[in-house]
Structures are given as C-alpha cells and as structure tokens.
Amino acid sequence: MSRTTTEVLARARLAIGDSTTSPVRAGDAACLGYVVDALNIIKGARPDLFLGAFATTYESIAIGANLPINGQFFLPIAMFVGSMIESQDDESADRARGELLVKIGGGML
C-alpha cells in the first residue's frame, strides 16, 4: 500500500509536537513543498528508484496524493519535512532539538 502526502504531514507534525496544536507552525502548502524537496533529493541520489519516470521533475504534489516512491522512504521524508518545519521556527532554530532534527531528517534521505 502506497503512503500518502497526508500521512507524511501527519507523521512530520507528530515528530515535532504539532499534531495537536492549532494553528500548526507550517501550513500544508509549505509542508508539501518540503515533500517535493525530499523527493528531488532522493531522485538526485537514487534515480533508479524512479524507473519509468526519469524525465519527471517534481515541482508540486497534492495533499492526499500517493508518494511516487517505495514506502521505505516514508519515514525519512516525514523526518525531513519535520526538520524543515522545525528549522523555520525561531524558537526551535536556536535549540539543539532543531539542529538534531535537521541532521536526522537530512541524514535519513
């Protein structure tokens, strides 16, 4: 079963403690942009994962869309999205937690 962008955003927000807060620190549009960034990073490093879609560049992806990649990359993408949200938050950007999430998120990709 393919994971969706909605699941990625929910997992990312859970990791940074935004799952129960309102409003969230980053809206869906910003988070989906981070999903696109993660897909392009993965594609640059491992184009073989996108067989049949070498010419496709990911410029946008819709909320609820299936991830165009194997489910094993669900958690790394979610952690990358969470780390990007955390790094944009002024309160967290200066803390060790923000730096740790960026290392984890980027390192998993």
N, C-alpha and C. Protein backbone atom coordinates (compact mmCIF):
# COMPACT_ATOMS: atom_id res chain seq x y z
N MET A 1 0.84 -1.17 0.00
CA MET A 1 0.00 0.00 0.00
C MET A 1 0.89 1.24 0.00
N SER A 2 0.60 2.15 -0.90
CA SER A 2 1.37 3.37 -1.01
C SER A 2 0.97 4.36 0.08
N ARG A 3 1.95 5.03 0.63
CA ARG A 3 1.68 6.06 1.63
C ARG A 3 1.31 7.36 0.92
N THR A 4 0.62 8.24 1.62
CA THR A 4 0.15 9.48 1.01
C THR A 4 0.84 10.69 1.63
N THR A 5 0.70 11.81 0.95
CA THR A 5 1.26 13.05 1.48
C THR A 5 0.57 13.46 2.77
N THR A 6 -0.69 13.15 2.90
CA THR A 6 -1.42 13.45 4.14
C THR A 6 -0.78 12.72 5.31
N GLU A 7 -0.40 11.46 5.10
CA GLU A 7 0.26 10.68 6.15
C GLU A 7 1.64 11.24 6.47
N VAL A 8 2.36 11.70 5.45
CA VAL A 8 3.68 12.30 5.67
C VAL A 8 3.55 13.53 6.57
N LEU A 9 2.60 14.41 6.23
CA LEU A 9 2.43 15.63 7.01
C LEU A 9 2.02 15.32 8.45
N ALA A 10 1.14 14.34 8.63
CA ALA A 10 0.71 13.96 9.98
C ALA A 10 1.89 13.42 10.79
N ARG A 11 2.72 12.58 10.17
CA ARG A 11 3.88 12.00 10.87
C ARG A 11 4.92 13.07 11.19
N ALA A 12 5.14 13.99 10.26
CA ALA A 12 6.10 15.07 10.49
C ALA A 12 5.64 15.95 11.64
N ARG A 13 4.36 16.27 11.65
CA ARG A 13 3.82 17.13 12.72
C ARG A 13 3.84 16.42 14.07
N LEU A 14 3.62 15.12 14.07
CA LEU A 14 3.70 14.35 15.30
C LEU A 14 5.12 14.41 15.87
N ALA A 15 6.12 14.29 14.99
CA ALA A 15 7.52 14.28 15.43
C ALA A 15 7.94 15.59 16.07
N ILE A 16 7.34 16.70 15.65
CA ILE A 16 7.73 18.00 16.21
C ILE A 16 6.72 18.54 17.21
N GLY A 17 5.71 17.75 17.53
CA GLY A 17 4.74 18.15 18.54
C GLY A 17 3.67 19.10 18.03
N ASP A 18 3.45 19.12 16.73
CA ASP A 18 2.43 19.99 16.14
C ASP A 18 1.12 19.26 15.87
N SER A 19 1.05 17.99 16.21
CA SER A 19 -0.12 17.20 15.81
C SER A 19 -1.39 17.60 16.54
N THR A 20 -1.26 18.24 17.68
CA THR A 20 -2.46 18.62 18.43
C THR A 20 -2.58 20.12 18.63
N THR A 21 -1.68 20.88 18.03
CA THR A 21 -1.73 22.34 18.19
C THR A 21 -2.49 22.98 17.05
N SER A 22 -3.09 24.08 17.35
CA SER A 22 -3.78 24.83 16.31
C SER A 22 -3.53 26.30 16.57
N PRO A 23 -3.03 27.05 15.66
CA PRO A 23 -2.64 26.62 14.32
C PRO A 23 -1.28 25.92 14.33
N VAL A 24 -1.04 25.13 13.31
CA VAL A 24 0.25 24.45 13.17
C VAL A 24 1.29 25.47 12.72
N ARG A 25 2.56 25.13 12.91
CA ARG A 25 3.64 26.08 12.59
C ARG A 25 3.83 26.29 11.09
N ALA A 26 3.52 25.30 10.29
CA ALA A 26 3.66 25.42 8.84
C ALA A 26 2.41 24.86 8.19
N GLY A 27 1.87 25.59 7.25
CA GLY A 27 0.67 25.15 6.56
C GLY A 27 0.95 24.01 5.59
N ASP A 28 -0.12 23.44 5.07
CA ASP A 28 0.01 22.31 4.15
C ASP A 28 0.84 22.66 2.93
N ALA A 29 0.68 23.86 2.37
CA ALA A 29 1.41 24.24 1.16
C ALA A 29 2.92 24.23 1.40
N ALA A 30 3.35 24.78 2.52
CA ALA A 30 4.78 24.79 2.84
C ALA A 30 5.29 23.37 3.05
N CYS A 31 4.52 22.56 3.76
CA CYS A 31 4.92 21.18 4.02
C CYS A 31 5.01 20.37 2.74
N LEU A 32 4.06 20.57 1.84
CA LEU A 32 4.10 19.86 0.56
C LEU A 32 5.32 20.29 -0.25
N GLY A 33 5.72 21.54 -0.12
CA GLY A 33 6.96 21.99 -0.76
C GLY A 33 8.17 21.23 -0.24
N TYR A 34 8.18 20.96 1.06
CA TYR A 34 9.28 20.18 1.65
C TYR A 34 9.23 18.72 1.17
N VAL A 35 8.03 18.18 0.97
CA VAL A 35 7.91 16.83 0.41
C VAL A 35 8.53 16.80 -0.98
N VAL A 36 8.23 17.81 -1.80
CA VAL A 36 8.79 17.91 -3.15
C VAL A 36 10.32 18.00 -3.07
N ASP A 37 10.83 18.81 -2.14
CA ASP A 37 12.28 18.91 -1.96
C ASP A 37 12.88 17.55 -1.64
N ALA A 38 12.25 16.82 -0.73
CA ALA A 38 12.75 15.50 -0.35
C ALA A 38 12.75 14.54 -1.54
N LEU A 39 11.67 14.54 -2.32
CA LEU A 39 11.60 13.67 -3.49
C LEU A 39 12.72 13.99 -4.48
N ASN A 40 12.98 15.27 -4.68
CA ASN A 40 14.04 15.66 -5.62
C ASN A 40 15.43 15.32 -5.10
N ILE A 41 15.64 15.40 -3.79
CA ILE A 41 16.91 14.99 -3.20
C ILE A 41 17.11 13.49 -3.41
N ILE A 42 16.06 12.71 -3.13
CA ILE A 42 16.14 11.26 -3.30
C ILE A 42 16.38 10.92 -4.77
N LYS A 43 15.66 11.58 -5.66
CA LYS A 43 15.82 11.29 -7.09
C LYS A 43 17.22 11.63 -7.58
N GLY A 44 17.81 12.70 -7.05
CA GLY A 44 19.17 13.05 -7.43
C GLY A 44 20.19 12.01 -6.99
N ALA A 45 19.97 11.44 -5.82
CA ALA A 45 20.89 10.45 -5.27
C ALA A 45 20.62 9.04 -5.79
N ARG A 46 19.36 8.72 -6.01
CA ARG A 46 18.97 7.37 -6.43
C ARG A 46 17.94 7.41 -7.56
N PRO A 47 18.34 7.80 -8.77
CA PRO A 47 17.38 7.87 -9.87
C PRO A 47 16.78 6.51 -10.22
N ASP A 48 17.46 5.43 -9.85
CA ASP A 48 16.95 4.09 -10.13
C ASP A 48 15.65 3.81 -9.40
N LEU A 49 15.35 4.56 -8.36
CA LEU A 49 14.10 4.35 -7.62
C LEU A 49 12.90 4.89 -8.39
N PHE A 50 13.16 5.63 -9.44
CA PHE A 50 12.09 6.26 -10.22
C PHE A 50 12.05 5.70 -11.63
N LEU A 51 12.25 4.39 -11.77
CA LEU A 51 12.23 3.76 -13.09
C LEU A 51 10.95 4.11 -13.83
N GLY A 52 11.11 4.50 -15.08
CA GLY A 52 9.95 4.88 -15.88
C GLY A 52 9.56 6.33 -15.70
N ALA A 53 10.22 7.02 -14.79
CA ALA A 53 9.87 8.42 -14.54
C ALA A 53 11.13 9.29 -14.46
N PHE A 54 12.15 8.91 -15.23
CA PHE A 54 13.42 9.65 -15.18
C PHE A 54 13.25 11.11 -15.57
N ALA A 55 12.37 11.38 -16.53
CA ALA A 55 12.19 12.75 -17.02
C ALA A 55 11.30 13.59 -16.10
N THR A 56 10.63 12.94 -15.18
CA THR A 56 9.71 13.66 -14.30
C THR A 56 10.48 14.48 -13.28
N THR A 57 10.15 15.75 -13.20
CA THR A 57 10.68 16.57 -12.12
C THR A 57 9.51 16.91 -11.22
N TYR A 58 9.74 16.82 -9.96
CA TYR A 58 8.66 17.07 -9.01
C TYR A 58 8.68 18.54 -8.62
N GLU A 59 7.68 19.26 -9.09
CA GLU A 59 7.56 20.68 -8.78
C GLU A 59 6.41 20.93 -7.81
N SER A 60 5.47 20.02 -7.78
CA SER A 60 4.37 20.13 -6.83
C SER A 60 3.76 18.75 -6.63
N ILE A 61 3.07 18.61 -5.53
CA ILE A 61 2.35 17.37 -5.23
C ILE A 61 1.14 17.76 -4.40
N ALA A 62 0.05 17.08 -4.62
CA ALA A 62 -1.21 17.44 -3.97
C ALA A 62 -1.35 16.77 -2.61
N ILE A 63 -2.13 17.40 -1.76
CA ILE A 63 -2.46 16.81 -0.47
C ILE A 63 -3.28 15.54 -0.73
N GLY A 64 -2.93 14.46 -0.09
CA GLY A 64 -3.63 13.20 -0.28
C GLY A 64 -3.10 12.35 -1.41
N ALA A 65 -2.14 12.88 -2.18
CA ALA A 65 -1.58 12.11 -3.31
C ALA A 65 -0.69 11.00 -2.78
N ASN A 66 -0.65 9.90 -3.53
CA ASN A 66 0.26 8.82 -3.19
C ASN A 66 1.69 9.26 -3.42
N LEU A 67 2.59 8.84 -2.54
CA LEU A 67 4.00 9.13 -2.75
C LEU A 67 4.49 8.30 -3.93
N PRO A 68 5.21 8.91 -4.87
CA PRO A 68 5.65 8.18 -6.06
C PRO A 68 6.94 7.40 -5.82
N ILE A 69 7.05 6.79 -4.65
CA ILE A 69 8.28 6.12 -4.27
C ILE A 69 7.95 5.01 -3.27
N ASN A 70 8.85 4.08 -3.13
CA ASN A 70 8.69 2.96 -2.22
C ASN A 70 8.39 3.44 -0.80
N GLY A 71 7.56 2.70 -0.10
CA GLY A 71 7.15 3.05 1.26
C GLY A 71 8.27 3.11 2.27
N GLN A 72 9.42 2.50 1.97
CA GLN A 72 10.54 2.55 2.91
C GLN A 72 11.07 3.97 3.08
N PHE A 73 10.71 4.87 2.17
CA PHE A 73 11.16 6.26 2.27
C PHE A 73 10.14 7.15 2.97
N PHE A 74 9.05 6.56 3.45
CA PHE A 74 8.02 7.34 4.15
C PHE A 74 8.60 8.06 5.36
N LEU A 75 9.25 7.33 6.25
CA LEU A 75 9.78 7.93 7.47
C LEU A 75 10.88 8.95 7.17
N PRO A 76 11.86 8.65 6.31
CA PRO A 76 12.86 9.68 6.00
C PRO A 76 12.25 10.97 5.44
N ILE A 77 11.24 10.84 4.58
CA ILE A 77 10.59 12.03 4.03
C ILE A 77 9.87 12.79 5.15
N ALA A 78 9.16 12.07 6.00
CA ALA A 78 8.44 12.71 7.11
C ALA A 78 9.40 13.42 8.06
N MET A 79 10.53 12.78 8.37
CA MET A 79 11.51 13.40 9.26
C MET A 79 12.16 14.62 8.60
N PHE A 80 12.38 14.56 7.29
CA PHE A 80 12.92 15.72 6.57
C PHE A 80 11.93 16.88 6.64
N VAL A 81 10.66 16.59 6.39
CA VAL A 81 9.63 17.64 6.46
C VAL A 81 9.58 18.23 7.87
N GLY A 82 9.58 17.37 8.88
CA GLY A 82 9.56 17.85 10.26
C GLY A 82 10.77 18.70 10.59
N SER A 83 11.93 18.29 10.10
CA SER A 83 13.14 19.05 10.38
C SER A 83 13.12 20.41 9.70
N MET A 84 12.55 20.48 8.51
CA MET A 84 12.46 21.76 7.82
C MET A 84 11.48 22.70 8.53
N ILE A 85 10.37 22.15 9.01
CA ILE A 85 9.41 22.97 9.77
C ILE A 85 10.09 23.49 11.03
N GLU A 86 10.77 22.60 11.72
CA GLU A 86 11.44 22.96 12.98
C GLU A 86 12.52 24.01 12.74
N SER A 87 13.24 23.90 11.64
CA SER A 87 14.33 24.85 11.37
C SER A 87 13.82 26.24 11.03
N GLN A 88 12.56 26.35 10.59
CA GLN A 88 11.98 27.64 10.26
C GLN A 88 11.36 28.34 11.46
N ASP A 89 11.19 27.60 12.54
CA ASP A 89 10.59 28.13 13.76
C ASP A 89 11.66 28.85 14.57
N ASP A 90 11.50 30.14 14.79
CA ASP A 90 12.51 30.93 15.50
C ASP A 90 12.86 30.34 16.87
N GLU A 91 11.86 29.86 17.57
CA GLU A 91 12.09 29.32 18.91
C GLU A 91 12.96 28.07 18.86
N SER A 92 12.73 27.23 17.85
CA SER A 92 13.44 25.95 17.77
C SER A 92 14.76 26.04 17.01
N ALA A 93 14.90 27.02 16.15
CA ALA A 93 16.09 27.11 15.32
C ALA A 93 17.36 27.30 16.15
N ASP A 94 17.22 27.90 17.32
CA ASP A 94 18.38 28.14 18.17
C ASP A 94 18.61 27.03 19.18
N ARG A 95 17.75 26.06 19.21
CA ARG A 95 17.88 24.99 20.19
C ARG A 95 18.51 23.76 19.57
N ALA A 96 19.06 22.92 20.40
CA ALA A 96 19.69 21.69 19.93
C ALA A 96 18.69 20.76 19.25
N ARG A 97 17.43 20.81 19.67
CA ARG A 97 16.41 19.94 19.08
C ARG A 97 16.24 20.24 17.59
N GLY A 98 16.21 21.52 17.23
CA GLY A 98 16.08 21.89 15.83
C GLY A 98 17.25 21.38 15.00
N GLU A 99 18.46 21.54 15.53
CA GLU A 99 19.65 21.06 14.84
C GLU A 99 19.64 19.55 14.70
N LEU A 100 19.23 18.85 15.75
CA LEU A 100 19.16 17.40 15.73
C LEU A 100 18.18 16.91 14.68
N LEU A 101 17.00 17.52 14.61
CA LEU A 101 16.01 17.10 13.62
C LEU A 101 16.50 17.33 12.20
N VAL A 102 17.22 18.42 11.97
CA VAL A 102 17.77 18.66 10.63
C VAL A 102 18.78 17.58 10.28
N LYS A 103 19.64 17.20 11.23
CA LYS A 103 20.62 16.14 10.98
C LYS A 103 19.94 14.80 10.72
N ILE A 104 18.94 14.49 11.52
CA ILE A 104 18.22 13.22 11.33
C ILE A 104 17.47 13.22 10.01
N GLY A 105 16.71 14.28 9.76
CA GLY A 105 15.91 14.35 8.54
C GLY A 105 16.75 14.30 7.29
N GLY A 106 17.81 15.09 7.24
CA GLY A 106 18.68 15.09 6.07
C GLY A 106 19.49 13.82 5.95
N GLY A 107 19.93 13.29 7.08
CA GLY A 107 20.75 12.08 7.07
C GLY A 107 20.00 10.84 6.63
N MET A 108 18.71 10.78 6.91
CA MET A 108 17.92 9.61 6.53
C MET A 108 17.69 9.55 5.03
N LEU A 109 17.67 10.72 4.38
CA LEU A 109 17.44 10.72 2.94
C LEU A 109 18.67 10.17 2.25
